[in-house]
Amino acid sequence: MGFLKKSLVKYPDVNYPDFWKRVVDVVLAFFMLLVLFPVFLALFLGISIYLGGSPFFFQNRPGKGAKAFRIIKFKTMLDIRGQSGELLPDEKRITTLGKIIRKMSLDEIPQLINVLKGDMSLVGPRPLLTEYLPLYDPVQAKRHQVRPGVTGWAQINGRNAISWQQKFEYDVWYVDHLSFALDLKILFQTLWNVIRGKGVSQQGHVTVGKFIGNQKPRDVTKA
């Protein structure tokens, strides 16, 4: 059984990404939105009252082929700026409610709308900032060969608690080994990690620090 489990995610499924992955995304995202609608509504009202204004955070992110799309998340921070107009550090802007929402990954729920629209997949490399695009080397840029995901291989192997180098290695490994079995494994492990609150942030930081440079990646064979 151990060999069978490993073999399910060792080789890419050439038939899955072109059609069936999108079918699975639409069906599961629609079902999840129905199930989570009471939570969605409660957060919509709670954040609107707590922070005032729109409860959503919108930002352009690169998707498949590095084509930009607008990601949707629940807002967890205040728009507090310093004297020169720049946003204050995350740890000074995040709210108590925002910390709870992030710990439980509830801020990601609106991204199910992105999945239904075709901007994202349930599983894939996380969509990062557009300003990072010139910083990738050719290997790391392979992460844009597939739709970005609500969760991914890097997220279940450390999420924000691992380095940028490790994230990119896991992202590229996922692209090279994409299969239905691997996606299923990632979805189940994501649920378990959310329940445990594992890997939400790096030690000493509310969010992961910015990617500021490139390093030569190494091969990742963990399955």
N, C-alpha and C. Protein backbone atom coordinates (compact mmCIF):
# COMPACT_ATOMS: atom_id res chain seq x y z
N MET A 1 0.83 -1.21 0.00
CA MET A 1 0.00 0.00 0.00
C MET A 1 0.86 1.26 0.00
N GLY A 2 2.01 1.21 0.72
CA GLY A 2 2.90 2.37 0.76
C GLY A 2 3.42 2.70 -0.62
N PHE A 3 3.79 1.66 -1.39
CA PHE A 3 4.29 1.88 -2.75
C PHE A 3 3.21 2.46 -3.64
N LEU A 4 1.97 1.95 -3.47
CA LEU A 4 0.86 2.45 -4.27
C LEU A 4 0.60 3.91 -3.99
N LYS A 5 0.63 4.29 -2.71
CA LYS A 5 0.39 5.69 -2.34
C LYS A 5 1.42 6.61 -2.98
N LYS A 6 2.71 6.19 -2.94
CA LYS A 6 3.77 7.01 -3.51
C LYS A 6 3.64 7.10 -5.03
N SER A 7 3.28 5.97 -5.66
CA SER A 7 3.19 5.95 -7.11
C SER A 7 2.08 6.85 -7.62
N LEU A 8 1.05 7.09 -6.81
CA LEU A 8 -0.08 7.93 -7.23
C LEU A 8 0.33 9.37 -7.46
N VAL A 9 1.37 9.83 -6.78
CA VAL A 9 1.79 11.23 -6.91
C VAL A 9 3.18 11.37 -7.50
N LYS A 10 3.77 10.25 -7.95
CA LYS A 10 5.14 10.31 -8.44
C LYS A 10 5.22 10.82 -9.88
N TYR A 11 4.23 10.48 -10.69
CA TYR A 11 4.26 10.84 -12.09
C TYR A 11 3.08 11.75 -12.46
N PRO A 12 3.30 12.70 -13.38
CA PRO A 12 2.20 13.60 -13.76
C PRO A 12 1.11 12.86 -14.53
N ASP A 13 -0.11 13.28 -14.35
CA ASP A 13 -1.26 12.74 -15.07
C ASP A 13 -1.52 13.66 -16.25
N VAL A 14 -1.12 13.23 -17.47
CA VAL A 14 -1.17 14.11 -18.64
C VAL A 14 -2.61 14.43 -19.06
N ASN A 15 -3.57 13.58 -18.68
CA ASN A 15 -4.95 13.80 -19.08
C ASN A 15 -5.73 14.68 -18.11
N TYR A 16 -5.25 14.79 -16.90
CA TYR A 16 -6.00 15.49 -15.85
C TYR A 16 -6.00 17.01 -16.01
N PRO A 17 -4.86 17.69 -16.19
CA PRO A 17 -4.84 19.16 -16.17
C PRO A 17 -5.65 19.83 -17.27
N ASP A 18 -5.73 19.23 -18.44
CA ASP A 18 -6.33 19.90 -19.58
C ASP A 18 -7.84 20.08 -19.47
N PHE A 19 -8.52 19.17 -18.79
CA PHE A 19 -9.98 19.24 -18.72
C PHE A 19 -10.53 18.92 -17.34
N TRP A 20 -10.17 17.77 -16.80
CA TRP A 20 -10.80 17.29 -15.57
C TRP A 20 -10.47 18.13 -14.34
N LYS A 21 -9.31 18.73 -14.32
CA LYS A 21 -8.96 19.59 -13.17
C LYS A 21 -9.92 20.76 -13.06
N ARG A 22 -10.29 21.32 -14.23
CA ARG A 22 -11.23 22.45 -14.23
C ARG A 22 -12.62 21.99 -13.80
N VAL A 23 -13.04 20.80 -14.23
CA VAL A 23 -14.33 20.26 -13.83
C VAL A 23 -14.38 20.07 -12.32
N VAL A 24 -13.33 19.48 -11.77
CA VAL A 24 -13.26 19.27 -10.32
C VAL A 24 -13.29 20.60 -9.58
N ASP A 25 -12.57 21.59 -10.10
CA ASP A 25 -12.53 22.92 -9.47
C ASP A 25 -13.93 23.53 -9.38
N VAL A 26 -14.65 23.52 -10.49
CA VAL A 26 -15.97 24.15 -10.53
C VAL A 26 -16.95 23.45 -9.60
N VAL A 27 -16.96 22.12 -9.65
CA VAL A 27 -17.90 21.35 -8.82
C VAL A 27 -17.60 21.54 -7.34
N LEU A 28 -16.34 21.39 -6.94
CA LEU A 28 -15.98 21.50 -5.53
C LEU A 28 -16.11 22.94 -5.02
N ALA A 29 -15.71 23.91 -5.83
CA ALA A 29 -15.79 25.32 -5.40
C ALA A 29 -17.25 25.72 -5.18
N PHE A 30 -18.14 25.30 -6.08
CA PHE A 30 -19.56 25.61 -5.94
C PHE A 30 -20.13 24.96 -4.69
N PHE A 31 -19.78 23.70 -4.46
CA PHE A 31 -20.25 22.98 -3.27
C PHE A 31 -19.72 23.64 -2.00
N MET A 32 -18.45 24.01 -2.00
CA MET A 32 -17.84 24.62 -0.82
C MET A 32 -18.47 25.99 -0.52
N LEU A 33 -18.79 26.75 -1.56
CA LEU A 33 -19.45 28.04 -1.34
C LEU A 33 -20.83 27.86 -0.72
N LEU A 34 -21.55 26.84 -1.15
CA LEU A 34 -22.86 26.56 -0.57
C LEU A 34 -22.73 26.19 0.91
N VAL A 35 -21.80 25.30 1.21
CA VAL A 35 -21.61 24.84 2.59
C VAL A 35 -21.12 25.98 3.48
N LEU A 36 -20.22 26.80 2.95
CA LEU A 36 -19.60 27.87 3.74
C LEU A 36 -20.36 29.19 3.69
N PHE A 37 -21.51 29.20 3.02
CA PHE A 37 -22.24 30.47 2.88
C PHE A 37 -22.58 31.12 4.22
N PRO A 38 -23.04 30.36 5.24
CA PRO A 38 -23.29 31.01 6.55
C PRO A 38 -22.03 31.66 7.14
N VAL A 39 -20.89 31.01 6.97
CA VAL A 39 -19.62 31.57 7.45
C VAL A 39 -19.26 32.81 6.63
N PHE A 40 -19.44 32.70 5.31
CA PHE A 40 -19.16 33.82 4.40
C PHE A 40 -20.00 35.04 4.80
N LEU A 41 -21.29 34.82 5.04
CA LEU A 41 -22.19 35.91 5.39
C LEU A 41 -21.82 36.53 6.74
N ALA A 42 -21.49 35.67 7.72
CA ALA A 42 -21.11 36.15 9.05
C ALA A 42 -19.84 37.01 8.97
N LEU A 43 -18.87 36.56 8.19
CA LEU A 43 -17.63 37.32 8.04
C LEU A 43 -17.88 38.62 7.28
N PHE A 44 -18.71 38.56 6.26
CA PHE A 44 -19.05 39.76 5.49
C PHE A 44 -19.62 40.85 6.40
N LEU A 45 -20.58 40.46 7.25
CA LEU A 45 -21.21 41.42 8.15
C LEU A 45 -20.26 41.84 9.27
N GLY A 46 -19.55 40.87 9.85
CA GLY A 46 -18.65 41.15 10.97
C GLY A 46 -17.52 42.09 10.58
N ILE A 47 -16.88 41.84 9.44
CA ILE A 47 -15.77 42.68 9.01
C ILE A 47 -16.27 44.06 8.60
N SER A 48 -17.42 44.11 7.94
CA SER A 48 -18.00 45.40 7.54
C SER A 48 -18.23 46.29 8.75
N ILE A 49 -18.74 45.70 9.82
CA ILE A 49 -19.02 46.47 11.04
C ILE A 49 -17.73 46.80 11.79
N TYR A 50 -16.84 45.82 11.88
CA TYR A 50 -15.62 45.96 12.68
C TYR A 50 -14.64 46.95 12.04
N LEU A 51 -14.45 46.84 10.71
CA LEU A 51 -13.48 47.69 10.03
C LEU A 51 -14.13 48.88 9.33
N GLY A 52 -15.42 48.74 9.00
CA GLY A 52 -16.09 49.79 8.25
C GLY A 52 -15.75 49.68 6.77
N GLY A 53 -16.69 50.01 5.93
CA GLY A 53 -16.44 49.95 4.48
C GLY A 53 -16.53 48.53 3.95
N SER A 54 -15.89 48.31 2.81
CA SER A 54 -15.93 47.01 2.16
C SER A 54 -15.16 45.97 2.98
N PRO A 55 -15.71 44.75 3.13
CA PRO A 55 -15.01 43.70 3.88
C PRO A 55 -14.00 42.95 3.01
N PHE A 56 -13.90 43.32 1.74
CA PHE A 56 -13.04 42.59 0.83
C PHE A 56 -11.73 43.32 0.54
N PHE A 57 -10.71 42.53 0.28
CA PHE A 57 -9.40 43.03 -0.14
C PHE A 57 -9.19 42.56 -1.58
N PHE A 58 -8.91 43.51 -2.48
CA PHE A 58 -8.68 43.19 -3.89
C PHE A 58 -7.24 43.56 -4.25
N GLN A 59 -6.62 42.72 -5.06
CA GLN A 59 -5.25 43.03 -5.50
C GLN A 59 -4.95 42.26 -6.79
N ASN A 60 -4.24 42.90 -7.71
CA ASN A 60 -3.84 42.22 -8.94
C ASN A 60 -2.73 41.22 -8.62
N ARG A 61 -2.89 40.01 -9.13
CA ARG A 61 -1.90 38.96 -8.97
C ARG A 61 -1.68 38.27 -10.32
N PRO A 62 -0.48 37.73 -10.58
CA PRO A 62 -0.26 37.00 -11.83
C PRO A 62 -0.83 35.59 -11.78
N GLY A 63 -1.56 35.20 -12.82
CA GLY A 63 -2.15 33.88 -12.89
C GLY A 63 -1.42 33.00 -13.88
N LYS A 64 -2.14 32.11 -14.53
CA LYS A 64 -1.55 31.21 -15.52
C LYS A 64 -0.98 32.03 -16.67
N GLY A 65 0.25 31.70 -17.06
CA GLY A 65 0.91 32.48 -18.10
C GLY A 65 1.31 33.86 -17.64
N ALA A 66 1.30 34.07 -16.31
CA ALA A 66 1.64 35.37 -15.69
C ALA A 66 0.63 36.45 -16.05
N LYS A 67 -0.54 36.06 -16.56
CA LYS A 67 -1.59 37.02 -16.89
C LYS A 67 -2.26 37.50 -15.60
N ALA A 68 -2.40 38.82 -15.46
CA ALA A 68 -2.91 39.40 -14.21
C ALA A 68 -4.41 39.16 -14.05
N PHE A 69 -4.82 38.92 -12.82
CA PHE A 69 -6.23 38.85 -12.45
C PHE A 69 -6.38 39.50 -11.09
N ARG A 70 -7.61 39.74 -10.68
CA ARG A 70 -7.87 40.42 -9.41
C ARG A 70 -8.28 39.41 -8.36
N ILE A 71 -7.43 39.20 -7.37
CA ILE A 71 -7.72 38.24 -6.31
C ILE A 71 -8.66 38.86 -5.29
N ILE A 72 -9.52 38.03 -4.69
CA ILE A 72 -10.48 38.48 -3.69
C ILE A 72 -10.21 37.77 -2.37
N LYS A 73 -10.07 38.56 -1.31
CA LYS A 73 -9.88 37.99 0.03
C LYS A 73 -10.68 38.83 1.02
N PHE A 74 -10.94 38.25 2.19
CA PHE A 74 -11.53 39.05 3.25
C PHE A 74 -10.44 39.94 3.86
N LYS A 75 -10.80 41.17 4.14
CA LYS A 75 -9.85 42.13 4.70
C LYS A 75 -9.53 41.79 6.15
N THR A 76 -8.24 41.82 6.50
CA THR A 76 -7.82 41.51 7.88
C THR A 76 -7.00 42.64 8.50
N MET A 77 -6.72 43.69 7.71
CA MET A 77 -5.87 44.78 8.19
C MET A 77 -6.53 46.13 8.00
N LEU A 78 -6.13 47.07 8.83
CA LEU A 78 -6.55 48.46 8.69
C LEU A 78 -5.64 49.18 7.70
N ASP A 79 -6.17 50.15 7.00
CA ASP A 79 -5.36 50.92 6.04
C ASP A 79 -4.74 52.12 6.74
N ILE A 80 -3.87 51.83 7.68
CA ILE A 80 -3.21 52.89 8.45
C ILE A 80 -1.88 53.25 7.79
N ARG A 81 -1.68 54.54 7.56
CA ARG A 81 -0.47 55.01 6.89
C ARG A 81 0.35 55.92 7.79
N GLY A 82 1.64 55.98 7.52
CA GLY A 82 2.55 56.84 8.26
C GLY A 82 2.47 58.28 7.77
N GLN A 83 3.32 59.12 8.33
CA GLN A 83 3.29 60.56 8.01
C GLN A 83 3.62 60.83 6.54
N SER A 84 4.43 59.95 5.92
CA SER A 84 4.80 60.16 4.52
C SER A 84 3.84 59.46 3.56
N GLY A 85 2.79 58.84 4.10
CA GLY A 85 1.77 58.23 3.26
C GLY A 85 1.92 56.75 3.01
N GLU A 86 3.02 56.14 3.49
CA GLU A 86 3.22 54.71 3.26
C GLU A 86 2.44 53.89 4.28
N LEU A 87 2.00 52.70 3.88
CA LEU A 87 1.30 51.82 4.80
C LEU A 87 2.24 51.37 5.92
N LEU A 88 1.72 51.34 7.14
CA LEU A 88 2.51 50.87 8.27
C LEU A 88 2.76 49.38 8.15
N PRO A 89 3.75 48.82 8.88
CA PRO A 89 4.02 47.38 8.84
C PRO A 89 2.79 46.56 9.20
N ASP A 90 2.73 45.33 8.66
CA ASP A 90 1.57 44.46 8.85
C ASP A 90 1.20 44.28 10.32
N GLU A 91 2.22 44.10 11.17
CA GLU A 91 1.94 43.83 12.58
C GLU A 91 1.26 45.00 13.28
N LYS A 92 1.36 46.21 12.70
CA LYS A 92 0.71 47.38 13.28
C LYS A 92 -0.69 47.62 12.69
N ARG A 93 -0.97 46.93 11.59
CA ARG A 93 -2.26 47.14 10.91
C ARG A 93 -3.25 46.00 11.10
N ILE A 94 -2.74 44.81 11.40
CA ILE A 94 -3.64 43.67 11.53
C ILE A 94 -4.48 43.80 12.80
N THR A 95 -5.74 43.44 12.69
CA THR A 95 -6.67 43.56 13.81
C THR A 95 -6.76 42.24 14.58
N THR A 96 -7.37 42.30 15.76
CA THR A 96 -7.58 41.08 16.55
C THR A 96 -8.45 40.10 15.78
N LEU A 97 -9.51 40.62 15.17
CA LEU A 97 -10.37 39.78 14.34
C LEU A 97 -9.60 39.23 13.16
N GLY A 98 -8.74 40.06 12.58
CA GLY A 98 -7.94 39.63 11.44
C GLY A 98 -7.01 38.48 11.78
N LYS A 99 -6.42 38.50 12.97
CA LYS A 99 -5.53 37.42 13.40
C LYS A 99 -6.29 36.10 13.49
N ILE A 100 -7.52 36.18 14.02
CA ILE A 100 -8.34 34.97 14.15
C ILE A 100 -8.72 34.45 12.76
N ILE A 101 -9.10 35.36 11.88
CA ILE A 101 -9.50 34.97 10.52
C ILE A 101 -8.33 34.33 9.79
N ARG A 102 -7.14 34.90 9.93
CA ARG A 102 -5.96 34.36 9.25
C ARG A 102 -5.55 33.00 9.83
N LYS A 103 -5.63 32.87 11.14
CA LYS A 103 -5.24 31.61 11.77
C LYS A 103 -6.09 30.46 11.27
N MET A 104 -7.37 30.75 11.00
CA MET A 104 -8.29 29.73 10.52
C MET A 104 -8.41 29.72 9.00
N SER A 105 -7.60 30.56 8.33
CA SER A 105 -7.58 30.67 6.86
C SER A 105 -8.94 31.06 6.28
N LEU A 106 -9.76 31.74 7.06
CA LEU A 106 -11.09 32.14 6.58
C LEU A 106 -11.01 33.29 5.59
N ASP A 107 -9.89 34.02 5.58
CA ASP A 107 -9.75 35.12 4.63
C ASP A 107 -9.65 34.63 3.19
N GLU A 108 -9.38 33.32 3.02
CA GLU A 108 -9.23 32.76 1.68
C GLU A 108 -10.57 32.37 1.04
N ILE A 109 -11.65 32.32 1.82
CA ILE A 109 -12.93 31.83 1.30
C ILE A 109 -13.38 32.54 0.02
N PRO A 110 -13.28 33.89 -0.08
CA PRO A 110 -13.74 34.55 -1.32
C PRO A 110 -12.99 34.11 -2.58
N GLN A 111 -11.83 33.49 -2.41
CA GLN A 111 -11.08 33.03 -3.58
C GLN A 111 -11.80 31.89 -4.30
N LEU A 112 -12.80 31.29 -3.66
CA LEU A 112 -13.62 30.30 -4.34
C LEU A 112 -14.34 30.95 -5.52
N ILE A 113 -14.61 32.25 -5.41
CA ILE A 113 -15.20 32.99 -6.53
C ILE A 113 -14.20 33.09 -7.67
N ASN A 114 -12.92 33.33 -7.33
CA ASN A 114 -11.87 33.34 -8.34
C ASN A 114 -11.76 31.98 -9.05
N VAL A 115 -11.97 30.91 -8.29
CA VAL A 115 -11.92 29.57 -8.87
C VAL A 115 -13.06 29.38 -9.87
N LEU A 116 -14.27 29.78 -9.48
CA LEU A 116 -15.42 29.66 -10.38
C LEU A 116 -15.23 30.50 -11.65
N LYS A 117 -14.58 31.65 -11.52
CA LYS A 117 -14.35 32.52 -12.67
C LYS A 117 -13.26 31.97 -13.60
N GLY A 118 -12.45 31.05 -13.10
CA GLY A 118 -11.38 30.48 -13.91
C GLY A 118 -10.05 31.17 -13.71
N ASP A 119 -9.98 32.13 -12.78
CA ASP A 119 -8.71 32.80 -12.49
C ASP A 119 -7.76 31.88 -11.74
N MET A 120 -8.34 31.03 -10.88
CA MET A 120 -7.55 30.18 -10.00
C MET A 120 -8.07 28.75 -10.04
N SER A 121 -7.28 27.88 -9.43
CA SER A 121 -7.67 26.49 -9.21
C SER A 121 -7.73 26.28 -7.70
N LEU A 122 -8.38 25.23 -7.26
CA LEU A 122 -8.36 24.93 -5.82
C LEU A 122 -6.94 24.61 -5.37
N VAL A 123 -6.18 23.93 -6.24
CA VAL A 123 -4.81 23.54 -5.90
C VAL A 123 -3.85 24.05 -6.97
N GLY A 124 -2.77 24.65 -6.52
CA GLY A 124 -1.74 25.15 -7.43
C GLY A 124 -0.80 26.07 -6.66
N PRO A 125 0.24 26.57 -7.28
CA PRO A 125 1.12 27.52 -6.61
C PRO A 125 0.34 28.77 -6.21
N ARG A 126 0.58 29.28 -5.03
CA ARG A 126 -0.13 30.47 -4.57
C ARG A 126 0.20 31.67 -5.46
N PRO A 127 -0.80 32.50 -5.80
CA PRO A 127 -0.54 33.69 -6.62
C PRO A 127 0.17 34.76 -5.79
N LEU A 128 1.36 35.14 -6.20
CA LEU A 128 2.16 36.09 -5.45
C LEU A 128 2.03 37.49 -6.06
N LEU A 129 2.84 38.42 -5.59
CA LEU A 129 2.75 39.80 -6.07
C LEU A 129 3.32 39.93 -7.48
N THR A 130 2.73 40.82 -8.27
CA THR A 130 3.20 41.03 -9.64
C THR A 130 4.63 41.58 -9.66
N GLU A 131 5.02 42.27 -8.60
CA GLU A 131 6.38 42.84 -8.54
C GLU A 131 7.47 41.78 -8.46
N TYR A 132 7.09 40.53 -8.15
CA TYR A 132 8.07 39.45 -8.07
C TYR A 132 8.43 38.86 -9.43
N LEU A 133 7.60 39.12 -10.45
CA LEU A 133 7.78 38.46 -11.75
C LEU A 133 9.20 38.61 -12.32
N PRO A 134 9.82 39.81 -12.28
CA PRO A 134 11.17 39.93 -12.85
C PRO A 134 12.24 39.23 -12.01
N LEU A 135 11.90 38.81 -10.80
CA LEU A 135 12.89 38.23 -9.90
C LEU A 135 13.04 36.71 -10.05
N TYR A 136 12.12 36.06 -10.77
CA TYR A 136 12.19 34.61 -10.93
C TYR A 136 13.23 34.22 -11.96
N ASP A 137 13.90 33.08 -11.72
CA ASP A 137 14.75 32.51 -12.77
C ASP A 137 13.86 31.62 -13.64
N PRO A 138 14.35 31.10 -14.77
CA PRO A 138 13.50 30.31 -15.68
C PRO A 138 12.84 29.10 -15.02
N VAL A 139 13.51 28.49 -14.06
CA VAL A 139 12.94 27.32 -13.39
C VAL A 139 11.79 27.75 -12.48
N GLN A 140 12.00 28.76 -11.69
CA GLN A 140 10.97 29.25 -10.78
C GLN A 140 9.76 29.78 -11.54
N ALA A 141 9.98 30.33 -12.72
CA ALA A 141 8.89 30.87 -13.53
C ALA A 141 7.94 29.78 -14.02
N LYS A 142 8.33 28.51 -13.90
CA LYS A 142 7.45 27.41 -14.30
C LYS A 142 6.18 27.36 -13.45
N ARG A 143 6.20 28.01 -12.30
CA ARG A 143 5.02 28.02 -11.43
C ARG A 143 3.82 28.67 -12.13
N HIS A 144 4.08 29.45 -13.17
CA HIS A 144 3.00 30.11 -13.91
C HIS A 144 2.51 29.30 -15.11
N GLN A 145 2.95 28.06 -15.22
CA GLN A 145 2.46 27.19 -16.29
C GLN A 145 1.08 26.63 -15.97
N VAL A 146 0.66 26.75 -14.72
CA VAL A 146 -0.66 26.27 -14.30
C VAL A 146 -1.40 27.41 -13.59
N ARG A 147 -2.72 27.23 -13.39
CA ARG A 147 -3.47 28.22 -12.64
C ARG A 147 -2.98 28.24 -11.20
N PRO A 148 -2.90 29.43 -10.58
CA PRO A 148 -2.55 29.50 -9.16
C PRO A 148 -3.65 28.89 -8.32
N GLY A 149 -3.30 28.48 -7.10
CA GLY A 149 -4.26 27.77 -6.27
C GLY A 149 -4.61 28.47 -4.97
N VAL A 150 -5.77 28.11 -4.43
CA VAL A 150 -6.16 28.54 -3.09
C VAL A 150 -5.22 27.91 -2.07
N THR A 151 -4.81 26.67 -2.36
CA THR A 151 -3.81 25.98 -1.56
C THR A 151 -2.85 25.29 -2.51
N GLY A 152 -1.76 24.76 -1.98
CA GLY A 152 -0.78 24.13 -2.85
C GLY A 152 0.20 23.24 -2.10
N TRP A 153 1.12 22.67 -2.86
CA TRP A 153 2.12 21.76 -2.30
C TRP A 153 3.01 22.47 -1.28
N ALA A 154 3.35 23.73 -1.55
CA ALA A 154 4.17 24.49 -0.60
C ALA A 154 3.40 24.77 0.67
N GLN A 155 2.08 24.97 0.55
CA GLN A 155 1.26 25.31 1.72
C GLN A 155 1.16 24.14 2.70
N ILE A 156 1.09 22.92 2.21
CA ILE A 156 0.98 21.79 3.14
C ILE A 156 2.35 21.35 3.64
N ASN A 157 3.41 21.95 3.08
CA ASN A 157 4.77 21.63 3.53
C ASN A 157 5.41 22.81 4.24
N GLY A 158 4.58 23.62 4.88
CA GLY A 158 5.14 24.70 5.69
C GLY A 158 4.45 26.03 5.55
N ARG A 159 3.76 26.26 4.43
CA ARG A 159 3.04 27.51 4.21
C ARG A 159 3.96 28.71 4.42
N ASN A 160 3.62 29.65 5.30
CA ASN A 160 4.44 30.84 5.50
C ASN A 160 5.61 30.62 6.46
N ALA A 161 5.74 29.41 6.98
CA ALA A 161 6.82 29.13 7.93
C ALA A 161 8.09 28.64 7.24
N ILE A 162 8.08 28.53 5.91
CA ILE A 162 9.27 28.11 5.17
C ILE A 162 9.82 29.27 4.37
N SER A 163 11.04 29.11 3.86
CA SER A 163 11.70 30.20 3.11
C SER A 163 11.13 30.32 1.71
N TRP A 164 11.41 31.46 1.08
CA TRP A 164 10.98 31.65 -0.30
C TRP A 164 11.59 30.58 -1.20
N GLN A 165 12.85 30.25 -0.99
CA GLN A 165 13.51 29.25 -1.82
C GLN A 165 12.77 27.92 -1.76
N GLN A 166 12.39 27.52 -0.56
CA GLN A 166 11.66 26.27 -0.39
C GLN A 166 10.29 26.34 -1.07
N LYS A 167 9.61 27.48 -0.94
CA LYS A 167 8.31 27.64 -1.59
C LYS A 167 8.41 27.39 -3.09
N PHE A 168 9.38 28.03 -3.74
CA PHE A 168 9.52 27.90 -5.18
C PHE A 168 9.87 26.48 -5.59
N GLU A 169 10.69 25.82 -4.79
CA GLU A 169 11.04 24.44 -5.08
C GLU A 169 9.80 23.54 -5.05
N TYR A 170 8.97 23.74 -4.04
CA TYR A 170 7.74 22.95 -3.94
C TYR A 170 6.78 23.29 -5.08
N ASP A 171 6.68 24.57 -5.45
CA ASP A 171 5.79 24.98 -6.53
C ASP A 171 6.18 24.32 -7.85
N VAL A 172 7.48 24.34 -8.17
CA VAL A 172 7.95 23.75 -9.42
C VAL A 172 7.77 22.23 -9.39
N TRP A 173 8.02 21.63 -8.24
CA TRP A 173 7.82 20.18 -8.12
C TRP A 173 6.36 19.83 -8.39
N TYR A 174 5.44 20.64 -7.89
CA TYR A 174 4.02 20.39 -8.11
C TYR A 174 3.68 20.45 -9.60
N VAL A 175 4.19 21.47 -10.29
CA VAL A 175 3.91 21.61 -11.73
C VAL A 175 4.40 20.37 -12.49
N ASP A 176 5.55 19.84 -12.10
CA ASP A 176 6.13 18.68 -12.78
C ASP A 176 5.43 17.38 -12.44
N HIS A 177 4.65 17.34 -11.35
CA HIS A 177 4.04 16.09 -10.89
C HIS A 177 2.52 16.19 -10.75
N LEU A 178 1.92 17.17 -11.40
CA LEU A 178 0.49 17.43 -11.25
C LEU A 178 -0.35 16.20 -11.60
N SER A 179 -1.26 15.86 -10.69
CA SER A 179 -2.17 14.74 -10.92
C SER A 179 -3.38 14.90 -10.00
N PHE A 180 -4.43 14.17 -10.30
CA PHE A 180 -5.64 14.21 -9.47
C PHE A 180 -5.33 13.70 -8.06
N ALA A 181 -4.57 12.61 -7.97
CA ALA A 181 -4.23 12.03 -6.66
C ALA A 181 -3.45 13.03 -5.81
N LEU A 182 -2.53 13.75 -6.45
CA LEU A 182 -1.74 14.74 -5.71
C LEU A 182 -2.63 15.88 -5.23
N ASP A 183 -3.52 16.36 -6.10
CA ASP A 183 -4.44 17.44 -5.70
C ASP A 183 -5.32 16.99 -4.53
N LEU A 184 -5.79 15.76 -4.58
CA LEU A 184 -6.63 15.23 -3.51
C LEU A 184 -5.86 15.18 -2.20
N LYS A 185 -4.63 14.73 -2.28
CA LYS A 185 -3.77 14.67 -1.09
C LYS A 185 -3.57 16.06 -0.49
N ILE A 186 -3.34 17.06 -1.35
CA ILE A 186 -3.11 18.43 -0.89
C ILE A 186 -4.35 19.01 -0.23
N LEU A 187 -5.52 18.75 -0.82
CA LEU A 187 -6.77 19.26 -0.25
C LEU A 187 -7.03 18.71 1.14
N PHE A 188 -6.84 17.39 1.31
CA PHE A 188 -7.06 16.78 2.61
C PHE A 188 -6.04 17.27 3.64
N GLN A 189 -4.77 17.38 3.21
CA GLN A 189 -3.74 17.85 4.14
C GLN A 189 -3.95 19.31 4.51
N THR A 190 -4.46 20.11 3.56
CA THR A 190 -4.76 21.51 3.84
C THR A 190 -5.81 21.64 4.94
N LEU A 191 -6.87 20.83 4.82
CA LEU A 191 -7.93 20.84 5.84
C LEU A 191 -7.36 20.49 7.20
N TRP A 192 -6.50 19.50 7.26
CA TRP A 192 -5.89 19.08 8.52
C TRP A 192 -4.99 20.17 9.08
N ASN A 193 -4.21 20.84 8.22
CA ASN A 193 -3.33 21.90 8.68
C ASN A 193 -4.11 23.10 9.20
N VAL A 194 -5.25 23.42 8.53
CA VAL A 194 -6.09 24.53 8.98
C VAL A 194 -6.66 24.24 10.36
N ILE A 195 -7.09 23.01 10.57
CA ILE A 195 -7.62 22.61 11.88
C ILE A 195 -6.57 22.80 12.97
N ARG A 196 -5.32 22.48 12.64
CA ARG A 196 -4.23 22.60 13.61
C ARG A 196 -3.62 24.00 13.66
N GLY A 197 -3.97 24.87 12.67
CA GLY A 197 -3.37 26.21 12.61
C GLY A 197 -1.90 26.16 12.32
N LYS A 198 -1.48 25.19 11.50
CA LYS A 198 -0.06 24.96 11.24
C LYS A 198 0.48 25.85 10.14
N GLY A 199 1.66 26.47 10.38
CA GLY A 199 2.38 27.19 9.33
C GLY A 199 1.75 28.48 8.87
N VAL A 200 0.97 29.15 9.75
CA VAL A 200 0.28 30.36 9.33
C VAL A 200 1.24 31.51 9.07
N SER A 201 2.28 31.64 9.87
CA SER A 201 3.22 32.75 9.68
C SER A 201 4.62 32.34 10.08
N GLN A 202 5.60 33.10 9.61
CA GLN A 202 6.96 32.86 10.02
C GLN A 202 7.16 33.35 11.45
N GLN A 203 8.10 32.74 12.14
CA GLN A 203 8.35 33.12 13.53
C GLN A 203 8.76 34.59 13.61
N GLY A 204 8.03 35.33 14.44
CA GLY A 204 8.33 36.74 14.64
C GLY A 204 7.68 37.68 13.65
N HIS A 205 6.84 37.11 12.74
CA HIS A 205 6.20 37.95 11.73
C HIS A 205 4.72 37.61 11.64
N VAL A 206 3.90 38.63 11.34
CA VAL A 206 2.48 38.40 11.12
C VAL A 206 2.28 37.74 9.76
N THR A 207 3.02 38.22 8.76
CA THR A 207 2.96 37.64 7.42
C THR A 207 4.38 37.33 6.98
N VAL A 208 4.50 36.56 5.89
CA VAL A 208 5.82 36.24 5.37
C VAL A 208 6.46 37.50 4.79
N GLY A 209 7.80 37.64 4.95
CA GLY A 209 8.50 38.79 4.40
C GLY A 209 8.50 38.78 2.89
N LYS A 210 8.80 39.93 2.28
CA LYS A 210 8.79 40.04 0.82
C LYS A 210 9.96 39.28 0.20
N PHE A 211 9.70 38.77 -1.01
CA PHE A 211 10.75 38.13 -1.79
C PHE A 211 11.58 39.23 -2.42
N ILE A 212 12.89 39.23 -2.16
CA ILE A 212 13.74 40.33 -2.63
C ILE A 212 14.84 39.89 -3.58
N GLY A 213 14.92 38.60 -3.86
CA GLY A 213 15.98 38.16 -4.75
C GLY A 213 15.86 36.70 -5.11
N ASN A 214 16.74 36.27 -5.95
CA ASN A 214 16.69 34.93 -6.52
C ASN A 214 17.88 34.10 -6.07
N GLN A 215 17.61 32.82 -5.86
CA GLN A 215 18.67 31.87 -5.54
C GLN A 215 18.46 30.64 -6.40
N LYS A 216 19.52 29.92 -6.64
CA LYS A 216 19.43 28.72 -7.47
C LYS A 216 18.63 27.66 -6.75
N PRO A 217 17.53 27.16 -7.33
CA PRO A 217 16.71 26.15 -6.67
C PRO A 217 17.36 24.78 -6.71
N ARG A 218 16.97 23.93 -5.80
CA ARG A 218 17.43 22.54 -5.81
C ARG A 218 16.22 21.64 -6.04
N ASP A 219 16.49 20.40 -6.45
CA ASP A 219 15.40 19.47 -6.77
C ASP A 219 14.68 19.03 -5.52
N VAL A 220 13.36 18.98 -5.57
CA VAL A 220 12.54 18.50 -4.46
C VAL A 220 11.87 17.22 -4.88
N THR A 221 12.12 16.14 -4.15
CA THR A 221 11.55 14.84 -4.52
C THR A 221 10.60 14.30 -3.47
N LYS A 222 10.34 15.10 -2.46
CA LYS A 222 9.44 14.65 -1.39
C LYS A 222 8.02 14.48 -1.92
N ALA A 223 7.39 13.39 -1.58
CA ALA A 223 6.02 13.12 -2.02
C ALA A 223 5.17 12.69 -0.85
